[in-house]
């Protein structure tokens, strides 16, 4: 994780910092962060944003 920007649940912030990643405060708590090919999120309420960012990263398009 060295040098990568990421977020997670605030209770595991120390693990992110110890892995030498750049901590991004999840504000609001349900937000997700994309850094190159890494998508991270903090809580399950952020799944829609996480999936949206992951699909954009993978260039996935959904049509009905």
Protein backbone atom coordinates (compact mmCIF):
# COMPACT_ATOMS: atom_id res chain seq x y z
CA UNK A 1 0.00 0.00 0.00
CA UNK A 2 3.04 2.22 0.16
CA UNK A 3 2.21 5.68 -1.18
CA UNK A 4 -1.34 4.80 -2.27
CA UNK A 5 -4.32 6.91 -1.20
CA UNK A 6 -7.06 4.93 0.46
CA UNK A 7 -9.79 5.02 3.04
CA UNK A 8 -11.30 2.47 5.39
CA UNK A 9 -13.43 2.32 8.50
CA UNK A 10 -11.89 4.77 11.02
CA UNK A 11 -11.16 1.93 13.46
CA UNK A 12 -8.55 0.49 11.09
CA UNK A 13 -6.89 3.81 10.26
CA UNK A 14 -3.73 2.77 12.13
CA UNK A 15 -3.37 -0.28 9.85
CA UNK A 16 -3.61 1.92 6.77
CA UNK A 17 -1.02 4.34 8.15
CA UNK A 18 1.31 1.50 9.21
CA UNK A 19 1.14 0.09 5.68
CA UNK A 20 2.57 3.45 4.54
CA UNK A 21 -0.55 4.35 2.59
CA UNK A 22 -1.89 7.91 2.56
CA UNK A 23 -5.01 7.99 4.75
CA UNK A 24 -8.02 9.79 3.29
CA UNK A 25 -10.69 10.65 5.85
CA UNK A 26 -14.01 9.20 4.66
CA UNK A 27 -16.14 12.33 4.56
CA UNK A 28 -18.98 11.53 4.28
CA UNK A 29 -18.50 8.10 5.83
CA UNK A 30 -20.13 6.37 2.84
CA UNK A 31 -17.69 7.78 0.28
CA UNK A 32 -15.16 5.75 -1.70
CA UNK A 33 -11.70 6.66 -2.94
CA UNK A 34 -10.06 5.66 -6.22
CA UNK A 35 -6.28 5.80 -6.60
CA UNK A 36 -5.11 4.43 -9.95
CA UNK A 37 -6.42 0.83 -9.96
CA UNK A 38 -7.37 0.71 -6.26
CA UNK A 39 -10.89 1.44 -5.02
CA UNK A 40 -11.46 1.59 -1.25
CA UNK A 41 -14.44 2.37 0.93
CA UNK A 42 -15.21 2.73 4.61
CA UNK A 43 -18.63 1.23 5.32
CA UNK A 44 -21.25 -0.95 3.65
CA UNK A 45 -23.46 2.10 3.11
CA UNK A 46 -20.89 3.16 0.52
CA UNK A 47 -21.39 0.10 -1.70
CA UNK A 48 -23.26 2.04 -4.43
CA UNK A 49 -20.44 4.61 -4.70
CA UNK A 50 -17.80 1.85 -4.49
CA UNK A 51 -19.46 -0.15 -7.29
CA UNK A 52 -19.90 2.99 -9.41
CA UNK A 53 -16.18 3.84 -9.10
CA UNK A 54 -15.12 0.23 -9.72
CA UNK A 55 -17.28 0.00 -12.84
CA UNK A 56 -15.81 3.28 -14.12
CA UNK A 57 -12.31 1.96 -13.48
CA UNK A 58 -13.08 -1.24 -15.39
CA UNK A 59 -14.88 0.71 -18.15
CA UNK A 60 -18.05 -1.32 -17.55
CA UNK A 61 -21.21 0.07 -19.12
CA UNK A 62 -24.64 -1.20 -18.21
CA UNK A 63 -27.62 -0.64 -20.45
CA UNK A 64 -31.20 -1.81 -20.30
